Amino acid sequence: MSTTSTWFQRLILPGLAFKAAVIGGGYATGRELAEYFIPSGPQGGILAILVAMVSWSVICALTFALAQATRCFDYRSFFGTLLGPFAVVFELAYLVFMVLILAVFGAAAGAICQAMFGWPTLVGTLLLMLGIGAFTAYGNHAVEQLFKWVSFFLYGVYVLFVVFVLLGFGDRAAEIFRTPVPTDGWLSGGLTYAGYNIVGAVIILPLARHFTSRRDAVVAGVLAGPLAMVPGLLFFICMVAWYPQIGDEALPSDYILRKLDMPVFHLLFQAMIFSALLESGAAAVHAANERIAAAWRTHRSRELSSAGRFAIAATLLVGSIFIADHFGLVALIAKGYRGLAYLFLVVYVLPLLTVGVWWLWRRSPQATLTAQSHSLQGE
């Protein structure tokens, strides 16, 4: 049990890490906000965002509490407890998931560097790979520092984004919010979006080692939902100024930035998206590294070296970004991504809400006292 962790590491950092795991593959460009929330209208979109936020808080709180109680700080040991011999199903699903998101992140990073500097897309992809490899090579501390400082940068850019949009187009957004429109589908939209990204709670399990009590785990989990979703909420409010046409834009962020006509801030926003891709990719690779490091520690009785971590990261990145793209697996997996999300619901969320809740209840302090009381009465 950790006894030296700060309140920031115990309560705030897990939420920042969860945000890191979901934002790069989620709403950094605004495309996912347009797909899942805009169809329900401005008011319905806000409700859907709140549904997603609450869902994340509940699942993160339960996941963190179970990890803290079982001392399972990597997804292999966590699902060994939750699923027993069926844990291999999650491992296979996570491997497919990681291939997909790293391939998409690499393509996105290449496109960003080409747009910003006119470089070949391969350069941006290689820069992202090098950054992920460098941070994950040095283990937990380096990855946690990445989550911390990129979060400050990301939240700062989003605040500026909101200020600039509302100063220029706030009246338009307010008028649209006042106009009643149908809110159909807000509940399903929020739940579906939450389900697509909830695997982020498992990706960041290495940070659960900072918890000193179940209370720490629950509070950190509850805070994770707002910390991850508030930037998306602010982004959505800005998008409403161009409702409903913005729902058809491939990159809503670029659409809004062109309307702002602020070239320097446009570059800053692109740099923020690249940073979000970096921390999301690092979170995914670090989770795999920690899973392998735990097995290495068990079988070799020593820690996995930085060189070993870098080699694993390089193998994962090269395999995901280049091999998957070469063989056309990205398109193939993307078509089955919805099925993958449903698989995570079956092998992760449902067991957590049943087996996980039962396990925590059986080992809660109140349940322990009750069991002891019954035992004494029986004597």
Protein backbone atom coordinates (compact mmCIF):
# COMPACT_ATOMS: atom_id res chain seq x y z
CA MET A 1 0.00 0.00 0.00
CA SER A 2 1.29 3.43 -0.90
CA THR A 3 2.01 5.68 2.07
CA THR A 4 3.82 8.52 0.33
CA SER A 5 1.32 9.48 -2.36
CA THR A 6 0.13 13.08 -2.37
CA TRP A 7 -3.54 14.09 -2.43
CA PHE A 8 -3.02 15.11 -6.07
CA GLN A 9 -1.76 11.63 -7.00
CA ARG A 10 -4.57 9.93 -5.09
CA LEU A 11 -7.57 12.04 -6.05
CA ILE A 12 -6.85 14.15 -9.16
CA LEU A 13 -4.19 12.36 -11.22
CA PRO A 14 -6.37 9.28 -11.94
CA GLY A 15 -9.03 11.56 -13.47
CA LEU A 16 -6.43 13.36 -15.56
CA ALA A 17 -5.11 9.99 -16.71
CA PHE A 18 -8.62 8.83 -17.60
CA LYS A 19 -9.08 12.03 -19.59
CA ALA A 20 -5.77 11.25 -21.31
CA ALA A 21 -6.97 7.78 -22.22
CA VAL A 22 -10.22 8.94 -23.83
CA ILE A 23 -9.70 12.38 -25.33
CA GLY A 24 -7.25 11.56 -28.13
CA GLY A 25 -9.46 8.82 -29.44
CA GLY A 26 -12.58 10.69 -28.44
CA TYR A 27 -13.57 14.31 -28.78
CA ALA A 28 -10.27 16.18 -29.40
CA THR A 29 -11.39 17.17 -32.91
CA GLY A 30 -15.07 17.43 -32.04
CA ARG A 31 -16.08 14.70 -34.49
CA GLU A 32 -17.42 12.38 -31.80
CA LEU A 33 -19.35 15.23 -30.17
CA ALA A 34 -20.98 15.92 -33.52
CA GLU A 35 -21.84 12.26 -34.00
CA TYR A 36 -23.26 11.38 -30.59
CA PHE A 37 -24.55 14.65 -29.12
CA ILE A 38 -25.46 17.11 -31.89
CA PRO A 39 -28.28 14.87 -33.25
CA SER A 40 -30.14 15.36 -29.93
CA GLY A 41 -30.05 19.15 -30.31
CA PRO A 42 -28.40 21.69 -28.00
CA GLN A 43 -30.43 20.85 -24.89
CA GLY A 44 -30.46 17.12 -25.58
CA GLY A 45 -26.74 17.17 -26.28
CA ILE A 46 -26.08 18.65 -22.84
CA LEU A 47 -28.20 15.91 -21.26
CA ALA A 48 -26.32 13.24 -23.24
CA ILE A 49 -22.97 14.68 -22.10
CA LEU A 50 -24.15 14.55 -18.47
CA VAL A 51 -25.23 10.92 -18.95
CA ALA A 52 -21.79 10.02 -20.31
CA MET A 53 -20.08 11.91 -17.48
CA VAL A 54 -22.10 10.17 -14.74
CA SER A 55 -21.58 6.77 -16.41
CA TRP A 56 -17.83 7.32 -16.45
CA SER A 57 -17.82 8.37 -12.80
CA VAL A 58 -19.74 5.26 -11.71
CA ILE A 59 -17.62 2.80 -13.68
CA CYS A 60 -14.34 4.50 -12.73
CA ALA A 61 -15.30 4.53 -9.03
CA LEU A 62 -16.13 0.81 -9.06
CA THR A 63 -13.04 -0.07 -11.12
CA PHE A 64 -10.68 1.92 -8.91
CA ALA A 65 -12.27 0.53 -5.72
CA LEU A 66 -11.93 -3.06 -6.93
CA ALA A 67 -8.34 -2.47 -8.07
CA GLN A 68 -7.46 -0.93 -4.69
CA ALA A 69 -9.13 -3.74 -2.75
CA THR A 70 -7.51 -6.56 -4.76
CA ARG A 71 -4.14 -4.79 -5.30
CA CYS A 72 -4.51 -5.35 -9.05
CA PHE A 73 -2.60 -2.57 -10.81
CA ASP A 74 -2.56 -3.91 -14.37
CA TYR A 75 -5.41 -5.15 -16.54
CA ARG A 76 -4.15 -8.76 -16.57
CA SER A 77 -4.39 -9.23 -12.82
CA PHE A 78 -7.58 -7.13 -12.63
CA PHE A 79 -9.44 -9.32 -15.11
CA GLY A 80 -7.93 -12.44 -13.60
CA THR A 81 -9.88 -11.47 -10.47
CA LEU A 82 -13.01 -10.34 -12.29
CA LEU A 83 -13.29 -12.99 -15.03
CA GLY A 84 -11.05 -15.85 -13.93
CA PRO A 85 -10.14 -18.09 -16.89
CA PHE A 86 -12.14 -15.87 -19.27
CA ALA A 87 -9.72 -12.96 -18.75
CA VAL A 88 -8.03 -13.90 -22.02
CA VAL A 89 -11.13 -12.62 -23.86
CA PHE A 90 -10.45 -9.10 -22.63
CA GLU A 91 -6.75 -9.39 -23.51
CA LEU A 92 -7.59 -10.28 -27.10
CA ALA A 93 -10.17 -7.49 -27.34
CA TYR A 94 -7.70 -4.99 -25.90
CA LEU A 95 -5.03 -6.01 -28.41
CA VAL A 96 -7.44 -5.36 -31.28
CA PHE A 97 -8.52 -2.09 -29.67
CA MET A 98 -4.90 -0.95 -29.28
CA VAL A 99 -4.02 -1.75 -32.89
CA LEU A 100 -6.96 0.35 -34.04
CA ILE A 101 -6.42 3.42 -31.88
CA LEU A 102 -2.64 3.59 -32.36
CA ALA A 103 -3.09 3.30 -36.12
CA VAL A 104 -5.68 6.09 -36.07
CA PHE A 105 -3.50 8.22 -33.77
CA GLY A 106 -0.52 7.82 -36.09
CA ALA A 107 -2.55 8.86 -39.12
CA ALA A 108 -3.98 11.85 -37.23
CA ALA A 109 -0.54 12.98 -36.03
CA GLY A 110 0.76 12.81 -39.59
CA ALA A 111 -2.13 14.91 -40.85
CA ILE A 112 -1.61 17.52 -38.09
CA CYS A 113 2.10 17.98 -38.84
CA GLN A 114 1.37 18.20 -42.55
CA ALA A 115 -1.26 20.89 -41.94
CA MET A 116 0.95 22.85 -39.50
CA PHE A 117 4.33 22.67 -41.21
CA GLY A 118 3.79 21.07 -44.62
CA TRP A 119 5.83 18.02 -43.59
CA PRO A 120 5.21 14.55 -45.08
CA THR A 121 2.65 12.66 -43.00
CA LEU A 122 5.25 10.02 -42.17
CA VAL A 123 7.21 12.61 -40.17
CA GLY A 124 4.28 13.37 -37.87
CA THR A 125 3.60 9.66 -37.41
CA LEU A 126 7.24 9.00 -36.49
CA LEU A 127 7.31 11.94 -34.07
CA LEU A 128 4.27 10.55 -32.27
CA MET A 129 5.81 7.08 -32.12
CA LEU A 130 9.07 8.47 -30.75
CA GLY A 131 7.23 10.52 -28.11
CA ILE A 132 5.11 7.58 -26.95
CA GLY A 133 8.14 5.31 -26.85
CA ALA A 134 10.24 7.83 -24.90
CA PHE A 135 7.63 8.46 -22.19
CA THR A 136 6.59 4.83 -21.74
CA ALA A 137 10.21 3.65 -21.59
CA TYR A 138 10.70 5.29 -18.21
CA GLY A 139 7.64 3.81 -16.57
CA ASN A 140 5.03 5.20 -14.24
CA HIS A 141 6.71 8.44 -13.20
CA ALA A 142 7.36 9.69 -16.74
CA VAL A 143 3.85 8.79 -17.91
CA GLU A 144 2.27 10.46 -14.87
CA GLN A 145 4.24 13.65 -15.53
CA LEU A 146 2.99 13.58 -19.13
CA PHE A 147 -0.62 13.29 -17.94
CA LYS A 148 -0.12 16.17 -15.51
CA TRP A 149 1.53 18.75 -17.76
CA VAL A 150 -0.39 17.96 -20.94
CA SER A 151 -3.58 18.33 -18.89
CA PHE A 152 -2.62 21.88 -17.87
CA PHE A 153 -1.89 22.70 -21.52
CA LEU A 154 -5.10 21.08 -22.76
CA TYR A 155 -7.42 22.72 -20.23
CA GLY A 156 -5.77 26.09 -20.87
CA VAL A 157 -6.27 25.83 -24.64
CA TYR A 158 -9.91 24.79 -24.21
CA VAL A 159 -10.56 27.75 -21.91
CA LEU A 160 -9.08 30.13 -24.51
CA PHE A 161 -11.11 28.39 -27.21
CA VAL A 162 -14.35 28.93 -25.28
CA VAL A 163 -13.51 32.58 -24.52
CA PHE A 164 -12.71 33.38 -28.16
CA VAL A 165 -15.81 31.62 -29.52
CA LEU A 166 -18.21 33.14 -27.00
CA LEU A 167 -16.78 36.62 -27.48
CA GLY A 168 -17.26 36.35 -31.23
CA PHE A 169 -20.32 34.11 -31.53
CA GLY A 170 -21.82 33.88 -28.03
CA ASP A 171 -25.04 35.67 -28.99
CA ARG A 172 -25.66 33.15 -31.76
CA ALA A 173 -25.06 30.20 -29.39
CA ALA A 174 -27.34 31.69 -26.71
CA GLU A 175 -30.14 32.23 -29.26
CA ILE A 176 -29.89 28.64 -30.47
CA PHE A 177 -29.95 27.33 -26.89
CA ARG A 178 -33.16 29.29 -26.31
CA THR A 179 -34.81 27.77 -29.39
CA PRO A 180 -36.72 24.55 -28.52
CA VAL A 181 -35.76 21.58 -30.72
CA PRO A 182 -36.39 17.82 -30.36
CA THR A 183 -34.10 16.09 -27.85
CA ASP A 184 -34.67 12.55 -29.10
CA GLY A 185 -31.95 10.00 -28.42
CA TRP A 186 -30.04 11.85 -25.70
CA LEU A 187 -30.03 8.89 -23.32
CA SER A 188 -28.86 6.34 -25.89
CA GLY A 189 -26.35 8.81 -27.31
CA GLY A 190 -24.80 9.43 -23.91
CA LEU A 191 -24.68 5.75 -22.96
CA THR A 192 -23.27 4.71 -26.35
CA TYR A 193 -20.53 7.33 -26.21
CA ALA A 194 -19.67 6.37 -22.63
CA GLY A 195 -19.47 2.71 -23.64
CA TYR A 196 -17.10 3.41 -26.52
CA ASN A 197 -14.56 4.99 -24.19
CA ILE A 198 -15.04 3.32 -20.81
CA VAL A 199 -12.09 0.98 -21.38
CA GLY A 200 -9.98 4.01 -20.42
CA ALA A 201 -10.71 3.20 -16.76
CA VAL A 202 -8.85 -0.10 -17.16
CA ILE A 203 -6.00 1.41 -19.17
CA ILE A 204 -4.98 3.65 -16.26
CA LEU A 205 -4.98 0.98 -13.53
CA PRO A 206 -1.23 1.49 -12.80
CA LEU A 207 -2.23 4.71 -11.02
CA ALA A 208 -4.39 2.76 -8.58
CA ARG A 209 -1.22 2.01 -6.59
CA HIS A 210 -1.48 5.55 -5.16
CA PHE A 211 -4.76 4.85 -3.35
CA THR A 212 -4.41 4.40 0.41
CA SER A 213 -8.06 3.53 1.05
CA ARG A 214 -11.31 2.64 -0.67
CA ARG A 215 -12.43 6.21 -0.07
CA ASP A 216 -9.51 7.47 -2.18
CA ALA A 217 -10.49 5.13 -5.00
CA VAL A 218 -14.18 6.11 -4.95
CA VAL A 219 -13.52 9.86 -4.77
CA ALA A 220 -10.96 9.65 -7.60
CA GLY A 221 -13.43 7.67 -9.70
CA VAL A 222 -16.27 10.12 -9.12
CA LEU A 223 -13.99 13.03 -10.08
CA ALA A 224 -12.76 11.22 -13.21
CA GLY A 225 -16.06 11.74 -15.03
CA PRO A 226 -16.10 15.56 -14.78
CA LEU A 227 -12.33 15.89 -15.33
CA ALA A 228 -12.64 13.92 -18.57
CA MET A 229 -15.90 15.43 -19.83
CA VAL A 230 -15.75 19.13 -18.91
CA PRO A 231 -13.53 20.01 -21.91
CA GLY A 232 -16.01 18.18 -24.12
CA LEU A 233 -18.91 20.08 -22.57
CA LEU A 234 -17.17 23.41 -23.25
CA PHE A 235 -16.39 22.31 -26.81
CA PHE A 236 -20.02 21.32 -27.38
CA ILE A 237 -21.29 24.71 -26.15
CA CYS A 238 -19.04 26.36 -28.73
CA MET A 239 -20.25 24.02 -31.48
CA VAL A 240 -23.87 24.99 -30.84
CA ALA A 241 -23.21 28.41 -32.40
CA TRP A 242 -23.21 26.61 -35.78
CA TYR A 243 -25.98 24.10 -35.07
CA PRO A 244 -27.14 22.09 -36.97
CA GLN A 245 -24.74 22.29 -39.94
CA ILE A 246 -21.68 21.58 -37.82
CA GLY A 247 -22.97 18.06 -37.34
CA ASP A 248 -21.95 17.30 -40.94
CA GLU A 249 -18.39 18.60 -40.57
CA ALA A 250 -15.64 15.96 -40.60
CA LEU A 251 -13.47 18.11 -38.29
CA PRO A 252 -15.66 20.51 -36.28
CA SER A 253 -12.58 21.98 -34.55
CA ASP A 254 -11.10 23.10 -37.87
CA TYR A 255 -14.47 24.48 -38.97
CA ILE A 256 -14.74 26.66 -35.85
CA LEU A 257 -11.08 27.71 -35.95
CA ARG A 258 -11.51 28.89 -39.55
CA LYS A 259 -14.49 30.96 -38.42
CA LEU A 260 -12.37 32.51 -35.67
CA ASP A 261 -9.67 33.38 -38.23
CA MET A 262 -6.85 33.39 -35.67
CA PRO A 263 -3.87 31.63 -37.35
CA VAL A 264 -1.62 31.56 -34.28
CA PHE A 265 -4.33 30.11 -32.05
CA HIS A 266 -5.18 27.64 -34.82
CA LEU A 267 -1.61 26.32 -34.62
CA LEU A 268 -1.82 26.21 -30.82
CA PHE A 269 -5.02 24.19 -30.99
CA GLN A 270 -3.43 21.73 -33.44
CA ALA A 271 -0.48 21.37 -31.05
CA MET A 272 -2.95 20.62 -28.26
CA ILE A 273 -4.58 17.88 -30.34
CA PHE A 274 -1.14 16.38 -31.05
CA SER A 275 -0.45 16.44 -27.28
CA ALA A 276 -3.78 14.73 -26.64
CA LEU A 277 -2.85 12.01 -29.13
CA LEU A 278 0.50 11.63 -27.38
CA GLU A 279 -0.97 11.16 -23.92
CA SER A 280 -3.75 8.85 -25.16
CA GLY A 281 -1.26 6.70 -27.06
CA ALA A 282 1.09 6.66 -24.08
CA ALA A 283 -1.76 5.56 -21.81
CA ALA A 284 -2.64 2.63 -24.07
CA VAL A 285 0.96 1.46 -24.54
CA HIS A 286 1.84 1.97 -20.86
CA ALA A 287 -1.06 -0.29 -19.87
CA ALA A 288 0.37 -3.05 -22.07
CA ASN A 289 3.85 -2.39 -20.70
CA GLU A 290 2.63 -2.72 -17.12
CA ARG A 291 0.82 -5.95 -17.95
CA ILE A 292 4.04 -7.41 -19.38
CA ALA A 293 6.15 -5.95 -16.55
CA ALA A 294 3.96 -7.70 -13.96
CA ALA A 295 4.45 -11.07 -15.70
CA TRP A 296 8.19 -10.35 -16.06
CA ARG A 297 8.42 -9.56 -12.33
CA THR A 298 6.67 -12.80 -11.44
CA HIS A 299 8.72 -15.09 -13.69
CA ARG A 300 12.11 -13.35 -13.60
CA SER A 301 12.00 -11.81 -10.11
CA ARG A 302 13.28 -8.47 -11.40
CA GLU A 303 11.93 -5.30 -12.95
CA LEU A 304 11.51 -4.78 -16.68
CA SER A 305 14.24 -2.39 -17.86
CA SER A 306 13.71 0.93 -19.64
CA ALA A 307 15.23 -0.60 -22.77
CA GLY A 308 12.78 -3.47 -22.54
CA ARG A 309 9.85 -1.08 -22.12
CA PHE A 310 10.98 0.95 -25.13
CA ALA A 311 11.37 -2.21 -27.23
CA ILE A 312 7.84 -3.34 -26.33
CA ALA A 313 6.44 0.11 -27.12
CA ALA A 314 8.30 0.22 -30.45
CA THR A 315 7.00 -3.22 -31.40
CA LEU A 316 3.43 -2.28 -30.54
CA LEU A 317 3.64 1.03 -32.38
CA VAL A 318 5.28 -0.31 -35.51
CA GLY A 319 2.86 -3.22 -35.60
CA SER A 320 -0.17 -1.02 -35.06
CA ILE A 321 0.62 1.99 -37.21
CA PHE A 322 2.44 0.44 -40.16
CA ILE A 323 1.52 -3.23 -40.42
CA ALA A 324 -2.17 -2.63 -39.75
CA ASP A 325 -2.27 0.15 -42.31
CA HIS A 326 -0.32 -1.87 -44.88
CA PHE A 327 -2.65 -4.84 -44.72
CA GLY A 328 -5.79 -2.74 -44.58
CA LEU A 329 -6.64 -3.85 -41.05
CA VAL A 330 -7.49 -0.34 -39.94
CA ALA A 331 -10.55 -0.15 -42.17
CA LEU A 332 -11.49 -3.73 -41.29
CA ILE A 333 -11.28 -3.15 -37.55
CA ALA A 334 -12.98 0.24 -37.79
CA LYS A 335 -16.02 -1.47 -39.29
CA GLY A 336 -16.15 -3.76 -36.29
CA TYR A 337 -15.44 -1.06 -33.70
CA ARG A 338 -19.04 -0.94 -32.53
CA GLY A 339 -18.91 -4.69 -31.97
CA LEU A 340 -15.67 -4.22 -30.03
CA ALA A 341 -17.37 -1.66 -27.80
CA TYR A 342 -20.21 -4.09 -27.10
CA LEU A 343 -17.64 -6.78 -26.31
CA PHE A 344 -16.08 -4.51 -23.68
CA LEU A 345 -19.53 -4.02 -22.18
CA VAL A 346 -19.96 -7.79 -21.93
CA VAL A 347 -16.51 -8.72 -20.61
CA TYR A 348 -15.91 -5.62 -18.47
CA VAL A 349 -18.91 -3.46 -17.55
CA LEU A 350 -21.45 -6.21 -16.87
CA PRO A 351 -19.06 -8.34 -14.74
CA LEU A 352 -17.99 -5.18 -12.88
CA LEU A 353 -21.60 -4.23 -12.08
CA THR A 354 -22.37 -7.77 -10.87
CA VAL A 355 -19.33 -9.77 -9.73
CA GLY A 356 -17.31 -6.64 -8.91
CA VAL A 357 -20.08 -5.02 -6.84
CA TRP A 358 -20.74 -8.31 -5.02
CA TRP A 359 -17.02 -8.71 -4.27
CA LEU A 360 -16.76 -5.17 -2.88
CA TRP A 361 -19.94 -5.54 -0.82
CA ARG A 362 -18.78 -8.84 0.69
CA ARG A 363 -15.52 -7.19 1.73
CA SER A 364 -16.90 -3.85 2.85
CA PRO A 365 -16.17 -2.86 6.45
CA GLN A 366 -19.89 -3.04 7.36
CA ALA A 367 -20.26 -6.51 5.83
CA THR A 368 -17.17 -7.70 7.69
CA LEU A 369 -18.52 -6.42 11.02
CA THR A 370 -21.89 -8.08 10.34
CA ALA A 371 -20.22 -11.39 9.53
CA GLN A 372 -18.12 -11.21 12.68
CA SER A 373 -21.21 -10.43 14.77
CA HIS A 374 -23.07 -13.43 13.33
CA SER A 375 -20.06 -15.62 14.02
CA LEU A 376 -19.90 -14.50 17.67
CA GLN A 377 -23.63 -15.06 18.10
CA GLY A 378 -23.26 -18.54 16.71
CA GLU A 379 -20.61 -19.30 19.28
